[in-house]
Protein backbone atom coordinates (compact mmCIF):
# COMPACT_ATOMS: atom_id res chain seq x y z
CA MET A 1 14.63 5.80 -25.06
CA LYS A 2 11.97 8.72 -26.55
CA ILE A 3 8.40 9.57 -25.65
CA ARG A 4 5.54 9.88 -28.30
CA ILE A 5 2.42 11.92 -27.44
CA THR A 6 -0.51 11.01 -29.82
CA PHE A 7 -3.54 13.26 -30.34
CA ALA A 8 -6.76 12.75 -31.81
CA ALA A 9 -6.10 14.17 -35.59
CA LEU A 10 -7.89 17.72 -34.90
CA LEU A 11 -6.03 18.08 -32.05
CA ALA A 12 -2.94 17.62 -33.80
CA CYS A 13 -3.09 20.24 -36.03
CA LEU A 14 -3.66 22.65 -33.20
CA PRO A 15 -0.51 24.92 -32.08
CA MET A 16 1.59 22.90 -29.19
CA VAL A 17 0.72 26.05 -26.60
CA ALA A 18 -3.16 25.29 -27.32
CA GLN A 19 -4.53 24.10 -24.28
CA GLU A 20 -5.10 19.83 -24.24
CA LYS A 21 -8.85 18.22 -23.16
CA ALA A 22 -10.15 15.35 -21.05
CA ILE A 23 -14.03 14.33 -20.93
CA ILE A 24 -14.90 12.12 -17.69
CA ASP A 25 -18.28 10.51 -18.04
CA LEU A 26 -19.66 9.27 -14.60
CA HIS A 27 -21.87 6.54 -14.59
CA PRO A 28 -23.60 6.48 -10.66
CA GLN A 29 -26.34 4.24 -11.96
CA LYS A 30 -23.97 1.35 -12.63
CA ASP A 31 -23.50 -1.33 -10.49
CA THR A 32 -20.90 -0.95 -8.72
CA TRP A 33 -18.50 -2.24 -5.48
CA ARG A 34 -17.37 -0.85 -1.98
CA ILE A 35 -14.01 -0.14 -1.79
CA GLU A 36 -12.67 -2.12 1.17
CA LYS A 37 -10.95 0.49 3.58
CA GLU A 38 -8.19 -2.11 3.65
CA ILE A 39 -6.98 -1.58 0.06
CA TYR A 40 -5.03 1.74 1.93
CA GLY A 41 -3.37 -0.56 3.98
CA HIS A 42 0.51 -0.26 5.11
CA PHE A 43 3.32 -2.87 5.63
CA ALA A 44 5.92 -2.36 8.49
CA GLU A 45 9.09 -4.91 8.56
CA HIS A 46 11.89 -5.14 10.67
CA LEU A 47 13.78 -3.29 8.47
CA GLY A 48 16.55 -0.76 8.64
CA THR A 49 15.14 1.94 10.34
CA CYS A 50 11.10 0.96 9.70
CA ILE A 51 10.35 -0.26 12.93
CA TYR A 52 13.90 1.25 15.68
CA GLY A 53 14.09 4.73 14.96
CA GLY A 54 10.67 5.17 12.33
CA LEU A 55 8.30 3.51 14.87
CA TRP A 56 9.57 2.80 18.16
CA VAL A 57 12.35 4.51 19.86
CA GLY A 58 11.06 2.84 23.32
CA PRO A 59 9.83 4.78 26.43
CA ASP A 60 13.10 6.19 27.51
CA SER A 61 14.27 7.87 24.73
CA PRO A 62 14.42 11.17 24.67
CA ILE A 63 12.72 11.75 21.69
CA PRO A 64 8.30 12.92 22.57
CA ASN A 65 6.83 9.16 23.16
CA THR A 66 3.75 7.80 24.24
CA GLN A 67 4.81 4.01 25.55
CA GLY A 68 8.19 4.21 23.33
CA TYR A 69 6.02 5.15 19.70
CA ARG A 70 7.19 8.28 18.81
CA ASN A 71 4.51 11.03 19.25
CA ASP A 72 4.91 12.73 16.03
CA VAL A 73 4.74 9.62 13.53
CA LEU A 74 1.80 8.67 15.65
CA GLU A 75 -0.05 11.64 15.30
CA ALA A 76 0.71 11.66 11.06
CA LEU A 77 -0.15 7.99 10.97
CA LYS A 78 -3.56 8.95 12.64
CA LYS A 79 -4.21 10.68 10.09
CA LEU A 80 -4.34 8.95 7.31
CA GLN A 81 -6.82 6.37 9.34
CA ILE A 82 -4.66 3.84 8.35
CA PRO A 83 -7.10 0.52 8.50
CA VAL A 84 -4.87 -2.13 8.94
CA LEU A 85 -0.87 -2.93 9.35
CA ARG A 86 0.97 -5.98 8.02
CA TRP A 87 4.12 -7.08 10.20
CA PRO A 88 6.32 -8.46 10.86
CA GLY A 89 7.71 -8.94 7.37
CA GLY A 90 8.66 -9.24 4.63
CA CYS A 91 10.90 -11.76 3.90
CA PHE A 92 11.70 -10.68 8.41
CA ALA A 93 8.75 -12.93 8.73
CA ASP A 94 10.01 -16.30 8.01
CA GLU A 95 13.43 -15.85 10.20
CA TYR A 96 11.47 -14.53 13.18
CA HIS A 97 10.58 -16.48 16.54
CA TRP A 98 7.71 -14.41 18.31
CA ARG A 99 8.65 -16.13 21.80
CA ASP A 100 12.00 -13.63 21.46
CA GLY A 101 9.89 -10.95 21.44
CA ILE A 102 7.71 -11.27 24.47
CA GLY A 103 8.41 -10.81 28.10
CA PRO A 104 10.59 -8.25 29.93
CA ARG A 105 12.46 -6.23 27.49
CA GLN A 106 16.07 -6.36 28.77
CA LEU A 107 15.60 -10.36 29.09
CA ARG A 108 15.08 -10.81 25.34
CA PRO A 109 17.54 -12.45 22.78
CA LYS A 110 18.97 -10.73 20.29
CA MET A 111 19.26 -11.72 16.66
CA ILE A 112 21.04 -10.87 13.39
CA ASN A 113 18.95 -9.61 10.41
CA THR A 114 20.01 -11.98 7.88
CA HIS A 115 18.03 -10.42 5.38
CA TRP A 116 18.46 -6.45 5.89
CA GLY A 117 22.08 -5.51 6.32
CA GLY A 118 22.99 -8.09 8.91
CA THR A 119 21.79 -5.64 11.74
CA VAL A 120 21.81 -6.84 15.39
CA GLU A 121 18.03 -6.72 16.68
CA ASP A 122 17.38 -6.72 20.25
CA ASN A 123 13.51 -7.68 19.62
CA SER A 124 12.19 -4.87 22.00
CA PHE A 125 9.67 -4.65 19.54
CA GLY A 126 7.86 -7.54 19.39
CA THR A 127 3.89 -9.45 19.65
CA HIS A 128 2.39 -6.92 22.45
CA GLU A 129 4.09 -3.61 20.79
CA PHE A 130 2.54 -4.11 17.23
CA LEU A 131 -0.54 -5.21 18.84
CA ASN A 132 -0.78 -2.44 21.23
CA LEU A 133 0.62 0.24 18.13
CA CYS A 134 -2.58 -1.61 16.36
CA GLU A 135 -5.08 -0.77 18.91
CA LEU A 136 -3.18 3.21 19.42
CA LEU A 137 -4.25 4.05 16.03
CA ASP A 138 -7.23 2.31 15.56
CA CYS A 139 -6.08 -0.47 12.74
CA GLU A 140 -7.25 -4.10 11.84
CA PRO A 141 -3.07 -6.01 12.67
CA TYR A 142 -2.21 -8.86 9.84
CA VAL A 143 0.59 -11.03 11.40
CA SER A 144 3.33 -12.78 9.15
CA VAL A 145 3.52 -15.98 10.49
CA ASN A 146 6.35 -17.86 10.20
CA LEU A 147 6.10 -20.72 7.47
CA GLY A 148 10.07 -20.73 6.16
CA SER A 149 12.06 -21.63 9.22
CA GLY A 150 8.95 -22.07 11.86
CA THR A 151 7.60 -25.00 13.08
CA VAL A 152 3.27 -25.94 12.89
CA GLU A 153 3.45 -25.71 17.11
CA GLU A 154 5.07 -22.54 17.01
CA ILE A 155 2.77 -20.73 14.43
CA ALA A 156 -0.13 -22.29 16.84
CA ASP A 157 1.17 -21.29 19.69
CA TRP A 158 1.34 -17.69 18.27
CA VAL A 159 -2.17 -17.16 17.64
CA GLU A 160 -3.58 -19.01 21.14
CA TYR A 161 -0.58 -16.60 22.82
CA MET A 162 -2.14 -13.36 21.10
CA THR A 163 -6.33 -14.50 20.16
CA SER A 164 -7.21 -17.04 23.27
CA PRO A 165 -9.47 -15.61 26.18
CA ALA A 166 -8.96 -19.20 28.14
CA ASP A 167 -7.50 -20.06 31.38
CA SER A 168 -4.57 -22.25 29.18
CA PRO A 169 -1.41 -22.04 29.78
CA LEU A 170 -0.33 -19.68 26.52
CA ALA A 171 -3.50 -17.33 27.19
CA ASN A 172 -2.29 -16.85 31.15
CA LEU A 173 1.76 -16.18 29.66
CA ARG A 174 0.41 -13.40 27.93
CA ARG A 175 -1.19 -12.28 31.14
CA GLU A 176 1.90 -12.43 32.99
CA ASN A 177 3.29 -10.29 30.12
CA GLY A 178 1.40 -7.54 31.15
CA ARG A 179 -1.59 -8.32 28.66
CA ASP A 180 -5.51 -9.70 30.40
CA LYS A 181 -7.49 -9.31 27.55
CA PRO A 182 -6.89 -11.01 24.35
CA TRP A 183 -6.30 -8.95 21.02
CA LYS A 184 -8.40 -8.92 17.85
CA VAL A 185 -6.39 -10.46 14.98
CA LYS A 186 -8.33 -11.16 11.69
CA TYR A 187 -5.80 -11.26 8.94
CA LEU A 188 -2.89 -13.82 9.10
CA GLY A 189 -0.82 -14.00 7.04
CA VAL A 190 0.64 -17.98 6.63
CA GLY A 191 4.19 -17.23 5.27
CA ASN A 192 5.32 -15.15 3.14
CA GLU A 193 6.98 -14.95 -0.52
CA SER A 194 7.57 -18.89 -0.55
CA TRP A 195 8.13 -19.09 -3.68
CA GLY A 196 11.66 -16.52 -3.16
CA CYS A 197 12.99 -15.80 0.35
CA GLY A 198 10.23 -17.27 2.03
CA GLY A 199 12.06 -20.79 1.27
CA ASN A 200 12.32 -21.03 -2.11
CA MET A 201 9.34 -23.35 -2.59
CA ARG A 202 7.79 -25.33 -5.69
CA PRO A 203 4.18 -24.19 -5.44
CA GLU A 204 2.78 -27.61 -4.86
CA PHE A 205 5.14 -27.63 -2.12
CA TYR A 206 4.07 -24.65 -0.34
CA ALA A 207 0.15 -25.62 -0.90
CA ASP A 208 0.41 -28.86 0.80
CA LEU A 209 2.38 -27.08 3.64
CA TYR A 210 -0.32 -24.09 3.61
CA ARG A 211 -3.01 -26.91 4.29
CA ARG A 212 -0.81 -28.43 7.23
CA TYR A 213 -0.27 -25.15 8.78
CA ALA A 214 -3.41 -23.33 8.22
CA THR A 215 -5.28 -26.26 9.91
CA TYR A 216 -3.55 -25.51 13.03
CA CYS A 217 -4.45 -21.56 13.38
CA ARG A 218 -7.24 -21.79 15.38
CA ASN A 219 -10.13 -19.68 16.22
CA PHE A 220 -10.23 -19.03 19.65
CA GLY A 221 -13.05 -17.27 21.49
CA ASP A 222 -14.48 -14.88 19.06
CA ASN A 223 -11.61 -14.17 17.09
CA ARG A 224 -12.49 -15.20 13.46
CA LEU A 225 -9.18 -15.61 10.97
CA PHE A 226 -8.87 -14.34 7.70
CA LYS A 227 -6.58 -16.35 6.43
CA VAL A 228 -4.06 -15.46 3.82
CA ALA A 229 -2.19 -17.91 1.69
CA VAL A 230 1.48 -16.91 -0.49
CA GLY A 231 0.94 -16.29 -3.40
CA PRO A 232 2.77 -14.81 -6.86
CA SER A 233 5.15 -12.53 -7.52
CA ASP A 234 4.30 -10.05 -10.40
CA PHE A 235 3.04 -12.29 -13.74
CA ASP A 236 3.49 -15.74 -12.60
CA VAL A 237 0.15 -17.31 -12.87
CA ASN A 238 1.17 -21.13 -12.39
CA TRP A 239 1.75 -19.96 -8.76
CA THR A 240 -1.90 -18.92 -8.38
CA GLU A 241 -3.43 -21.98 -10.85
CA VAL A 242 -2.36 -24.21 -8.06
CA MET A 243 -2.74 -22.45 -5.11
CA MET A 244 -6.50 -22.16 -6.48
CA GLU A 245 -6.37 -26.04 -7.09
CA ARG A 246 -4.77 -27.22 -3.89
CA ILE A 247 -6.17 -25.18 -1.14
CA GLY A 248 -9.15 -23.28 -2.50
CA TRP A 249 -11.94 -22.49 0.20
CA ARG A 250 -9.37 -22.77 3.10
CA MET A 251 -8.11 -19.70 2.21
CA ASN A 252 -9.73 -16.25 2.26
CA GLY A 253 -7.58 -14.11 0.73
CA LEU A 254 -4.42 -14.72 -1.51
CA SER A 255 -1.59 -12.42 -1.65
CA VAL A 256 0.09 -10.96 -5.22
CA HIS A 257 3.58 -8.64 -4.45
CA PHE A 258 4.25 -6.53 -7.58
CA TYR A 259 6.83 -3.76 -7.19
CA THR A 260 7.50 -0.26 -10.04
CA VAL A 261 11.30 -1.65 -9.86
CA TYR A 262 13.39 -0.46 -13.15
CA ASP A 263 16.44 -3.29 -12.51
CA TRP A 264 16.73 -5.49 -9.78
CA ASN A 265 20.51 -5.36 -10.01
CA ALA A 266 20.48 -1.33 -10.87
CA LYS A 267 16.96 0.08 -10.00
CA GLY A 268 18.25 3.69 -10.58
CA SER A 269 18.27 7.14 -7.91
CA ALA A 270 14.98 7.96 -6.17
CA THR A 271 15.80 11.97 -6.91
CA LYS A 272 17.72 12.24 -10.18
CA PHE A 273 15.85 10.72 -12.98
CA THR A 274 14.77 12.22 -16.75
CA PRO A 275 11.68 13.05 -18.34
CA ASP A 276 11.93 9.34 -19.82
CA ASP A 277 12.49 7.55 -17.02
CA TYR A 278 9.51 9.51 -15.04
CA TYR A 279 7.27 8.07 -17.64
CA TRP A 280 8.41 4.76 -18.27
CA THR A 281 7.64 4.60 -14.31
CA LEU A 282 4.42 5.12 -14.68
CA GLY A 283 4.33 2.66 -17.40
CA LYS A 284 5.66 0.08 -14.96
CA CYS A 285 3.58 0.98 -12.14
CA MET A 286 0.51 0.75 -14.51
CA ASP A 287 1.29 -3.23 -15.26
CA ILE A 288 -0.07 -3.68 -12.14
CA ASP A 289 -3.77 -3.31 -13.86
CA ASN A 290 -2.92 -6.27 -16.13
CA VAL A 291 -1.17 -8.24 -13.23
CA ILE A 292 -4.68 -8.50 -11.42
CA LYS A 293 -6.65 -9.00 -14.17
CA SER A 294 -4.62 -12.01 -15.25
CA HIS A 295 -4.55 -13.62 -11.88
CA SER A 296 -8.21 -12.19 -11.13
CA ALA A 297 -9.18 -14.51 -14.50
CA ILE A 298 -7.80 -16.92 -12.80
CA MET A 299 -9.54 -16.98 -9.61
CA ASP A 300 -12.89 -16.18 -11.35
CA ARG A 301 -12.73 -20.13 -12.86
CA THR A 302 -13.19 -21.71 -9.70
CA ASP A 303 -14.74 -18.80 -7.56
CA PRO A 304 -17.11 -16.48 -8.98
CA GLU A 305 -18.72 -15.45 -6.87
CA LYS A 306 -15.18 -13.71 -5.07
CA GLN A 307 -15.32 -15.51 -2.29
CA ILE A 308 -11.46 -15.26 -1.92
CA ALA A 309 -10.27 -12.04 -1.57
CA LEU A 310 -6.75 -10.72 -3.65
CA MET A 311 -4.32 -8.98 -1.69
CA VAL A 312 -1.27 -7.04 -2.95
CA ASP A 313 0.48 -6.88 0.13
CA GLU A 314 3.47 -5.61 -1.48
CA TRP A 315 3.48 -2.73 -3.35
CA GLY A 316 5.45 0.09 -4.56
CA ALA A 317 8.13 2.42 -6.10
CA TRP A 318 11.84 0.75 -5.27
CA TRP A 319 15.14 2.60 -5.97
CA ASP A 320 18.62 2.51 -5.00
CA GLU A 321 19.07 3.03 -1.10
CA GLU A 322 20.36 7.20 -1.16
CA PRO A 323 24.00 7.56 -1.11
CA GLY A 324 25.58 7.60 2.70
CA THR A 325 22.81 5.00 4.07
CA VAL A 326 23.39 1.71 5.32
CA ARG A 327 23.30 -0.96 2.93
CA GLY A 328 20.35 -2.92 2.78
CA HIS A 329 18.12 -0.57 4.86
CA LEU A 330 16.46 0.46 1.69
CA TYR A 331 16.63 4.03 2.94
CA GLN A 332 14.98 6.12 -0.02
CA GLN A 333 13.88 9.32 -1.06
CA ASN A 334 10.33 10.39 -2.22
CA THR A 335 9.64 12.90 -4.99
CA MET A 336 6.62 13.76 -7.24
CA ARG A 337 7.31 10.69 -8.95
CA ASP A 338 6.58 8.80 -6.22
CA ALA A 339 3.34 10.66 -5.31
CA PHE A 340 2.19 9.59 -8.78
CA VAL A 341 2.71 5.57 -8.35
CA ALA A 342 1.07 6.16 -5.40
CA ALA A 343 -2.32 7.60 -7.16
CA LEU A 344 -2.34 5.97 -10.15
CA SER A 345 -2.02 2.84 -8.16
CA LEU A 346 -4.81 3.71 -5.83
CA MET A 347 -6.99 4.16 -9.07
CA VAL A 348 -6.30 0.61 -10.38
CA PHE A 349 -7.23 -1.04 -7.03
CA HIS A 350 -10.83 0.92 -6.54
CA ARG A 351 -11.46 -0.06 -10.55
CA HIS A 352 -10.74 -4.10 -9.23
CA ALA A 353 -12.05 -3.61 -5.62
CA ASP A 354 -13.99 -6.29 -6.59
CA ARG A 355 -11.82 -8.74 -5.97
CA VAL A 356 -8.87 -6.85 -4.51
CA LYS A 357 -9.91 -6.51 -0.78
CA MET A 358 -6.84 -5.27 0.96
CA ALA A 359 -3.31 -4.11 -0.48
CA ASN A 360 -0.31 -2.84 1.37
CA ILE A 361 2.24 0.05 0.78
CA ALA A 362 5.93 -1.27 0.96
CA GLN A 363 7.15 0.41 4.17
CA LEU A 364 5.68 2.64 6.62
CA ALA A 365 8.37 4.62 7.77
CA ASN A 366 12.36 5.02 6.64
CA VAL A 367 12.21 2.05 3.60
CA LEU A 368 11.55 2.42 0.29
CA GLN A 369 7.90 4.37 -0.88
CA ALA A 370 7.39 5.09 2.95
CA MET A 371 4.58 7.23 4.80
CA VAL A 372 6.80 9.19 6.92
CA LEU A 373 10.61 9.81 7.01
CA THR A 374 12.85 10.35 10.36
CA ARG A 375 16.20 11.13 11.35
CA ASP A 376 16.92 11.68 15.24
CA ASP A 377 14.01 13.65 16.55
CA LYS A 378 13.02 15.03 12.99
CA MET A 379 10.23 13.86 10.99
CA VAL A 380 8.75 14.79 7.44
CA LEU A 381 6.08 13.98 5.29
CA THR A 382 6.54 12.37 1.85
CA PRO A 383 4.09 12.98 -1.14
CA THR A 384 3.28 9.39 -0.92
CA TYR A 385 1.94 10.60 2.93
CA HIS A 386 -0.34 13.10 1.32
CA VAL A 387 -1.40 11.25 -1.68
CA PHE A 388 -2.67 8.69 1.24
CA GLU A 389 -4.54 11.30 3.01
CA MET A 390 -5.65 12.74 -0.04
CA PHE A 391 -7.38 9.79 -1.35
CA LYS A 392 -8.24 8.57 2.45
CA VAL A 393 -12.00 9.34 1.64
CA HIS A 394 -12.13 6.64 -0.57
CA GLN A 395 -11.78 4.32 2.57
CA GLY A 396 -15.08 2.20 2.48
CA ALA A 397 -16.73 3.99 -0.22
CA PHE A 398 -18.73 3.06 -3.24
CA HIS A 399 -16.50 3.00 -6.44
CA VAL A 400 -18.52 4.50 -9.01
CA PRO A 401 -17.59 3.67 -12.44
CA MET A 402 -16.50 6.37 -15.23
CA ASP A 403 -14.77 6.62 -18.78
CA VAL A 404 -12.01 8.63 -19.27
CA LYS A 405 -11.31 10.16 -22.84
CA THR A 406 -7.91 12.05 -23.27
CA SER A 407 -4.52 11.53 -24.75
CA ASP A 408 -1.74 9.10 -24.20
CA ILE A 409 1.57 8.71 -23.77
CA VAL A 410 3.60 5.98 -25.77
CA THR A 411 6.83 4.98 -23.66
CA GLU A 412 9.66 2.48 -24.24
CA GLU A 413 8.56 -0.84 -24.65
CA ASN A 414 5.23 0.44 -26.17
CA LYS A 415 3.93 1.07 -22.86
CA VAL A 416 0.74 2.99 -23.12
CA ILE A 417 -0.54 5.49 -20.26
CA GLN A 418 -3.15 8.18 -20.65
CA THR A 419 -2.11 11.62 -19.43
CA VAL A 420 -5.10 11.84 -17.17
CA TYR A 421 -6.24 9.54 -15.02
CA ALA A 422 -9.74 9.32 -12.46
CA THR A 423 -11.72 7.95 -10.00
CA ALA A 424 -14.69 8.43 -8.33
CA SER A 425 -16.95 7.03 -4.93
CA VAL A 426 -19.68 7.94 -2.75
CA ASN A 427 -19.73 7.53 0.52
CA GLU A 428 -23.13 6.38 2.83
CA GLU A 429 -23.53 10.32 3.10
CA GLY A 430 -23.92 10.61 -0.48
CA VAL A 431 -20.90 12.79 -0.64
CA MET A 432 -19.11 12.32 -3.63
CA HIS A 433 -15.27 12.42 -3.97
CA ILE A 434 -13.39 12.69 -7.66
CA SER A 435 -9.48 12.15 -7.62
CA LEU A 436 -7.64 13.05 -11.17
CA ALA A 437 -3.87 12.94 -11.91
CA ASN A 438 -2.88 14.90 -14.60
CA VAL A 439 0.83 12.92 -15.61
CA SER A 440 1.91 15.23 -18.44
CA LEU A 441 4.83 17.06 -17.32
CA ASP A 442 3.87 19.96 -19.57
CA ARG A 443 0.21 20.15 -20.50
CA SER A 444 -2.72 21.28 -18.60
CA TYR A 445 -5.92 19.59 -19.40
CA GLU A 446 -9.10 21.12 -19.32
CA VAL A 447 -11.24 18.04 -17.68
CA THR A 448 -14.66 18.27 -17.96
CA ILE A 449 -16.56 15.63 -15.65
CA HIS A 450 -20.39 15.05 -17.03
CA LEU A 451 -22.17 14.03 -13.56
CA ASN A 452 -25.00 12.39 -15.62
CA GLY A 453 -27.50 12.98 -12.63
CA ALA A 454 -24.81 12.61 -10.14
CA GLU A 455 -26.03 15.81 -7.52
CA CYS A 456 -23.42 18.24 -7.02
CA ARG A 457 -23.76 20.49 -3.95
CA ASP A 458 -21.05 22.99 -2.58
CA ILE A 459 -17.56 21.97 -4.01
CA SER A 460 -14.20 21.52 -2.28
CA GLY A 461 -10.89 20.88 -3.51
CA ARG A 462 -7.19 20.60 -2.72
CA ILE A 463 -3.88 20.03 -5.05
CA LEU A 464 -0.61 18.28 -4.68
CA THR A 465 1.91 19.97 -6.85
CA SER A 466 5.54 20.85 -7.31
CA ALA A 467 7.58 23.04 -9.53
CA ARG A 468 9.63 20.25 -10.99
CA ILE A 469 8.99 16.62 -10.90
CA THR A 470 12.28 15.33 -9.03
CA ASP A 471 11.09 17.49 -5.95
CA TYR A 472 11.38 16.39 -2.24
CA ASN A 473 10.83 16.74 1.40
CA ASP A 474 13.37 16.59 3.42
CA PHE A 475 14.55 17.72 7.14
CA ASP A 476 15.37 21.11 6.08
CA HIS A 477 12.84 22.14 3.42
CA PRO A 478 9.70 19.29 4.95
CA ASP A 479 6.83 21.61 2.82
CA THR A 480 8.11 21.38 -1.04
CA VAL A 481 5.33 19.32 -1.57
CA ARG A 482 2.55 19.57 0.10
CA PRO A 483 -1.07 19.86 -1.00
CA VAL A 484 -2.95 23.27 -1.12
CA SER A 485 -6.83 24.34 -1.69
CA PHE A 486 -7.88 24.72 -4.71
CA THR A 487 -10.84 26.64 -6.12
CA GLY A 488 -10.76 26.34 -10.09
CA VAL A 489 -13.87 24.65 -10.55
CA LYS A 490 -16.47 25.57 -12.51
CA HIS A 491 -20.56 24.18 -13.26
CA GLY A 492 -21.50 23.34 -16.35
CA GLU A 493 -25.01 21.82 -17.51
CA ASN A 494 -24.75 18.71 -14.88
CA SER A 495 -21.16 18.69 -15.17
CA LEU A 496 -17.86 20.53 -13.63
CA ILE A 497 -14.85 22.11 -15.59
CA LEU A 498 -11.65 22.49 -14.19
CA THR A 499 -8.23 23.05 -15.82
CA ILE A 500 -5.66 20.37 -13.69
CA PRO A 501 -2.08 22.08 -14.65
CA ALA A 502 0.62 19.56 -15.69
CA LYS A 503 2.05 16.99 -12.76
CA SER A 504 -0.75 17.88 -10.76
CA ILE A 505 -3.00 15.62 -8.62
CA ILE A 506 -6.28 16.92 -7.81
CA ALA A 507 -9.16 15.98 -5.15
CA LEU A 508 -12.75 16.81 -5.55
CA GLU A 509 -15.66 16.69 -2.88
CA PHE A 510 -19.25 17.16 -3.37
């Protein structure tokens, strides 16, 4: 595979050692929209060691914990200001029966996780453990209910058990199990990937099932459910057509899943890859932009006011499992390449935040593009974690439109990616944040940011980079990739000028 870098005619005549340039024009006066904080959402499935060992060790574990939750992971996640957490799946959701995960832990029945490695689970992490975790993290729960193998009654009972304040049998059962006050549960996913592992359904069949099942998911007390229908994978626009036609206003949100994956049968190593592999990955990652455009265009026909949200509730990079790990547990390392997948994807979500109201990266711990990796009593933060921490300032802020002029990179399959990407937002206090990414492996860029009336106060910045794009953090070297202070910003005439090094991500605040 070959890559080609294209430049303007003048630049093409300059020596290769010359510093490249990029120009960013902010448009702070243009109409914009809020970047909902839920775009920075997360996903924890009963898969591998995401739950058991990653989040939950139990109250009797020698690993320091609070009520069974790992202290080190809790503190790391609190720093991310996680807005929403999706559970129990994923594919696992459609074989999960919630009654098996309540009551005294020693009496809960075990089950085989048939989707992910045939692991036997003891159900010690269930409804109470999940919803209490969300309270500890101060985030919204997003519960995916079992449409594939569950019943209407089972789903209806679960909603009542979680949210009803009444003197009713299910609310009283919750009280018997130690929780008097009902939880607040806003987001309810009615099934998961019903076109695949959630039942291999036709869209018409799923739409009818959704209408039936969702009818019995009631609002109890002052709890109001935001019901999410199963949407398509990738570019399956027919599925979206059917959902909009047959469900329409009966859903509050429609999900879409998109993974940055090379080949489902041979995904490639998470840590051993070539520069060509790296550029291909970013080209694939940026396909999410066209995925969102394709489905949004269909939704716009019948919902021009954008009342139905598009929810990218599974996304991220998917590589082969690390050698020596359990097959089916999807444990993978996380390099600077993954940091760019995260940064560029979040920038896309910002641009489409008028329709995209939630996104949930897969997954929280030890699985796929994780925030943290754990082994026994050790924990390490991944490069992706650092991107989420650096970008969290955009949560709930208003998107600031911009134009970016830079050179392009043409990858395999003629995918075109920019060398410099950027996004900006302003919060209600008037603080501006600009996040930039230079994806080039070997060229720095002088970036001129035209503020066009945006007020520039004291400016601060941080940078995330590393010596090699294949670098990652492990338990022996936890700080190989980490953000540090960035001070290289100069003031021009209503502009900012900085040099962004190769393979670097920068966050500015002013």
